[in-house]
C-alpha atoms as a PDB file:
ATOM      1  CA  MET A   1     -96.136  58.879 -15.275  1.00  0.00           C
ATOM      2  CA  ALA A   2     -99.756  58.543 -14.407  1.00  0.00           C
ATOM      3  CA  TYR A   3    -101.009  58.349 -10.865  1.00  0.00           C
ATOM      4  CA  GLY A   4    -101.311  54.883  -9.421  1.00  0.00           C
ATOM      5  CA  VAL A   5     -98.562  53.382 -11.585  1.00  0.00           C
ATOM      6  CA  LYS A   6     -96.252  51.303  -9.466  1.00  0.00           C
ATOM      7  CA  ILE A   7     -92.621  51.112 -10.554  1.00  0.00           C
ATOM      8  CA  ALA A   8     -91.332  47.573 -10.303  1.00  0.00           C
ATOM      9  CA  LYS A   9     -88.110  46.714  -8.513  1.00  0.00           C
ATOM     10  CA  GLY A  10     -85.386  44.163  -9.168  1.00  0.00           C
ATOM     11  CA  ASP A  11     -86.008  41.490 -11.776  1.00  0.00           C
ATOM     12  CA  ALA A  12     -89.539  42.715 -12.426  1.00  0.00           C
ATOM     13  CA  TYR A  13     -88.092  46.112 -13.363  1.00  0.00           C
ATOM     14  CA  LYS A  14     -85.652  44.483 -15.800  1.00  0.00           C
ATOM     15  CA  ARG A  15     -88.449  42.526 -17.485  1.00  0.00           C
ATOM     16  CA  ALA A  16     -90.620  45.639 -17.710  1.00  0.00           C
ATOM     17  CA  ALA A  17     -87.738  47.657 -19.179  1.00  0.00           C
ATOM     18  CA  LEU A  18     -87.068  44.937 -21.770  1.00  0.00           C
ATOM     19  CA  LYS A  19     -90.759  44.957 -22.721  1.00  0.00           C
ATOM     20  CA  ARG A  20     -90.727  48.766 -23.085  1.00  0.00           C
ATOM     21  CA  ARG A  21     -87.628  48.624 -25.308  1.00  0.00           C
ATOM     22  CA  HIS A  22     -89.156  45.898 -27.474  1.00  0.00           C
ATOM     23  CA  ILE A  23     -92.368  47.906 -27.919  1.00  0.00           C
ATOM     24  CA  ARG A  24     -90.302  50.951 -28.875  1.00  0.00           C
ATOM     25  CA  VAL A  25     -88.348  48.943 -31.476  1.00  0.00           C
ATOM     26  CA  ARG A  26     -91.512  47.331 -32.878  1.00  0.00           C
ATOM     27  CA  LYS A  27     -92.986  50.762 -33.658  1.00  0.00           C
ATOM     28  CA  HIS A  28     -90.467  51.014 -36.500  1.00  0.00           C
ATOM     29  CA  ILE A  29     -90.007  47.379 -37.565  1.00  0.00           C
ATOM     30  CA  SER A  30     -92.550  45.239 -39.385  1.00  0.00           C
ATOM     31  CA  GLY A  31     -92.193  42.130 -41.510  1.00  0.00           C
ATOM     32  CA  SER A  32     -93.774  41.713 -44.935  1.00  0.00           C
ATOM     33  CA  PRO A  33     -94.073  38.716 -47.268  1.00  0.00           C
ATOM     34  CA  GLU A  34     -91.136  40.046 -49.324  1.00  0.00           C
ATOM     35  CA  ARG A  35     -88.991  40.881 -46.308  1.00  0.00           C
ATOM     36  CA  PRO A  36     -90.175  39.136 -43.124  1.00  0.00           C
ATOM     37  CA  ARG A  37     -89.001  39.927 -39.611  1.00  0.00           C
ATOM     38  CA  LEU A  38     -86.267  37.848 -37.943  1.00  0.00           C
ATOM     39  CA  VAL A  39     -87.107  38.132 -34.249  1.00  0.00           C
ATOM     40  CA  VAL A  40     -84.720  36.913 -31.559  1.00  0.00           C
ATOM     41  CA  THR A  41     -85.889  35.949 -28.070  1.00  0.00           C
ATOM     42  CA  ARG A  42     -83.224  35.371 -25.444  1.00  0.00           C
ATOM     43  CA  SER A  43     -83.440  33.839 -21.995  1.00  0.00           C
ATOM     44  CA  ASN A  44     -80.684  33.015 -19.547  1.00  0.00           C
ATOM     45  CA  ARG A  45     -80.422  29.476 -20.900  1.00  0.00           C
ATOM     46  CA  HIS A  46     -81.878  29.423 -24.434  1.00  0.00           C
ATOM     47  CA  ILE A  47     -82.211  31.523 -27.575  1.00  0.00           C
ATOM     48  CA  VAL A  48     -85.009  31.347 -30.152  1.00  0.00           C
ATOM     49  CA  ALA A  49     -85.084  32.847 -33.653  1.00  0.00           C
ATOM     50  CA  GLN A  50     -88.219  33.102 -35.801  1.00  0.00           C
ATOM     51  CA  VAL A  51     -88.826  34.474 -39.288  1.00  0.00           C
ATOM     52  CA  ILE A  52     -92.303  36.034 -39.168  1.00  0.00           C
ATOM     53  CA  ASP A  53     -94.584  37.513 -41.835  1.00  0.00           C
ATOM     54  CA  ASP A  54     -96.443  40.139 -39.782  1.00  0.00           C
ATOM     55  CA  ILE A  55     -99.102  40.819 -42.412  1.00  0.00           C
ATOM     56  CA  ALA A  56    -100.282  37.200 -42.548  1.00  0.00           C
ATOM     57  CA  GLY A  57     -99.306  36.519 -38.939  1.00  0.00           C
ATOM     58  CA  HIS A  58     -97.402  33.346 -39.819  1.00  0.00           C
ATOM     59  CA  THR A  59     -94.037  31.987 -38.751  1.00  0.00           C
ATOM     60  CA  LEU A  60     -92.130  30.999 -41.896  1.00  0.00           C
ATOM     61  CA  ALA A  61     -89.089  29.438 -40.206  1.00  0.00           C
ATOM     62  CA  SER A  62     -87.743  29.008 -36.706  1.00  0.00           C
ATOM     63  CA  ALA A  63     -84.792  27.579 -34.818  1.00  0.00           C
ATOM     64  CA  SER A  64     -83.911  27.285 -31.161  1.00  0.00           C
ATOM     65  CA  THR A  65     -81.389  25.819 -28.779  1.00  0.00           C
ATOM     66  CA  LEU A  66     -84.250  23.488 -27.831  1.00  0.00           C
ATOM     67  CA  ASP A  67     -84.092  21.843 -31.298  1.00  0.00           C
ATOM     68  CA  THR A  68     -82.805  18.288 -31.160  1.00  0.00           C
ATOM     69  CA  SER A  69     -79.981  19.057 -33.602  1.00  0.00           C
ATOM     70  CA  ILE A  70     -78.565  21.770 -31.295  1.00  0.00           C
ATOM     71  CA  ARG A  71     -79.740  20.775 -27.802  1.00  0.00           C
ATOM     72  CA  GLY A  72     -76.887  19.667 -25.563  1.00  0.00           C
ATOM     73  CA  GLY A  73     -74.382  20.680 -28.210  1.00  0.00           C
ATOM     74  CA  GLU A  74     -70.770  21.587 -27.758  1.00  0.00           C
ATOM     75  CA  GLY A  75     -69.588  25.052 -26.808  1.00  0.00           C
ATOM     76  CA  ASP A  76     -70.832  27.951 -24.780  1.00  0.00           C
ATOM     77  CA  LYS A  77     -74.069  29.901 -25.252  1.00  0.00           C
ATOM     78  CA  SER A  78     -72.541  32.116 -27.961  1.00  0.00           C
ATOM     79  CA  ALA A  79     -71.492  29.062 -29.963  1.00  0.00           C
ATOM     80  CA  GLN A  80     -75.004  27.668 -29.662  1.00  0.00           C
ATOM     81  CA  ALA A  81     -76.416  31.037 -30.789  1.00  0.00           C
ATOM     82  CA  LYS A  82     -74.235  30.791 -33.910  1.00  0.00           C
ATOM     83  CA  GLN A  83     -75.679  27.341 -34.606  1.00  0.00           C
ATOM     84  CA  VAL A  84     -79.208  28.713 -34.198  1.00  0.00           C
ATOM     85  CA  GLY A  85     -78.417  31.579 -36.595  1.00  0.00           C
ATOM     86  CA  ALA A  86     -77.093  29.227 -39.258  1.00  0.00           C
ATOM     87  CA  LEU A  87     -80.048  26.858 -38.822  1.00  0.00           C
ATOM     88  CA  VAL A  88     -82.718  29.579 -39.025  1.00  0.00           C
ATOM     89  CA  ALA A  89     -81.036  30.993 -42.150  1.00  0.00           C
ATOM     90  CA  GLU A  90     -81.010  27.550 -43.757  1.00  0.00           C
ATOM     91  CA  ARG A  91     -84.691  27.001 -42.938  1.00  0.00           C
ATOM     92  CA  ALA A  92     -85.642  30.504 -44.115  1.00  0.00           C
ATOM     93  CA  LYS A  93     -83.886  29.999 -47.443  1.00  0.00           C
ATOM     94  CA  ALA A  94     -85.703  26.661 -47.818  1.00  0.00           C
ATOM     95  CA  ALA A  95     -88.969  28.593 -47.289  1.00  0.00           C
ATOM     96  CA  GLY A  96     -87.992  31.030 -50.056  1.00  0.00           C
ATOM     97  CA  VAL A  97     -86.844  33.933 -47.871  1.00  0.00           C
ATOM     98  CA  GLU A  98     -83.701  35.774 -48.998  1.00  0.00           C
ATOM     99  CA  ALA A  99     -83.880  39.047 -47.012  1.00  0.00           C
ATOM    100  CA  VAL A 100     -85.215  39.840 -43.536  1.00  0.00           C
ATOM    101  CA  VAL A 101     -85.633  42.745 -41.127  1.00  0.00           C
ATOM    102  CA  PHE A 102     -83.721  42.068 -37.894  1.00  0.00           C
ATOM    103  CA  ASP A 103     -85.655  42.515 -34.634  1.00  0.00           C
ATOM    104  CA  ARG A 104     -83.324  42.191 -31.653  1.00  0.00           C
ATOM    105  CA  GLY A 105     -86.267  42.086 -29.274  1.00  0.00           C
ATOM    106  CA  GLY A 106     -85.195  44.961 -27.025  1.00  0.00           C
ATOM    107  CA  ASN A 107     -81.845  43.303 -26.286  1.00  0.00           C
ATOM    108  CA  GLN A 108     -78.477  44.914 -26.934  1.00  0.00           C
ATOM    109  CA  TYR A 109     -76.847  44.031 -30.246  1.00  0.00           C
ATOM    110  CA  ALA A 110     -73.928  42.279 -28.578  1.00  0.00           C
ATOM    111  CA  GLY A 111     -72.926  38.835 -27.376  1.00  0.00           C
ATOM    112  CA  ARG A 112     -75.365  36.073 -28.302  1.00  0.00           C
ATOM    113  CA  ILE A 113     -77.633  38.383 -30.323  1.00  0.00           C
ATOM    114  CA  ALA A 114     -74.720  39.555 -32.488  1.00  0.00           C
ATOM    115  CA  ALA A 115     -73.377  35.996 -32.824  1.00  0.00           C
ATOM    116  CA  LEU A 116     -76.752  34.769 -34.086  1.00  0.00           C
ATOM    117  CA  ALA A 117     -77.062  37.673 -36.539  1.00  0.00           C
ATOM    118  CA  ASP A 118     -73.533  37.201 -37.898  1.00  0.00           C
ATOM    119  CA  ALA A 119     -74.079  33.463 -38.401  1.00  0.00           C
ATOM    120  CA  ALA A 120     -77.368  34.110 -40.219  1.00  0.00           C
ATOM    121  CA  ARG A 121     -75.619  36.627 -42.503  1.00  0.00           C
ATOM    122  CA  GLU A 122     -72.797  34.179 -43.218  1.00  0.00           C
ATOM    123  CA  ALA A 123     -75.393  31.511 -44.071  1.00  0.00           C
ATOM    124  CA  GLY A 124     -76.863  33.792 -46.743  1.00  0.00           C
ATOM    125  CA  LEU A 125     -79.652  35.877 -45.180  1.00  0.00           C
ATOM    126  CA  LYS A 126     -79.547  39.566 -46.093  1.00  0.00           C
ATOM    127  CA  PHE A 127     -80.289  42.247 -43.493  1.00  0.00           C
END
């Protein structure tokens, strides 16, 4: 570590560690027009999935627990993540996307992240 770098504590440390992990993952993952990136962003309350073409810098499809079709839905957060996964896969296929590169956003591949990915696979996205 360089001099003068302050190490955060508590929640700030967790956010900084998540950011470091996401940067490390993004070094190896990039979306293209043929195979865009499916990026998942998770908060304590919501989950967002976007299909992004990194070369053009455009979002091709997205879904979230904030969408009116899912918001206030039945089930726990994992069940809502499954709904988001199915919805983003449906919207991506409507946009002409068949295969994606999965970007877990520095989060562990477990729980809501895995539920979203499994639902997207079952809905027909390949990754």
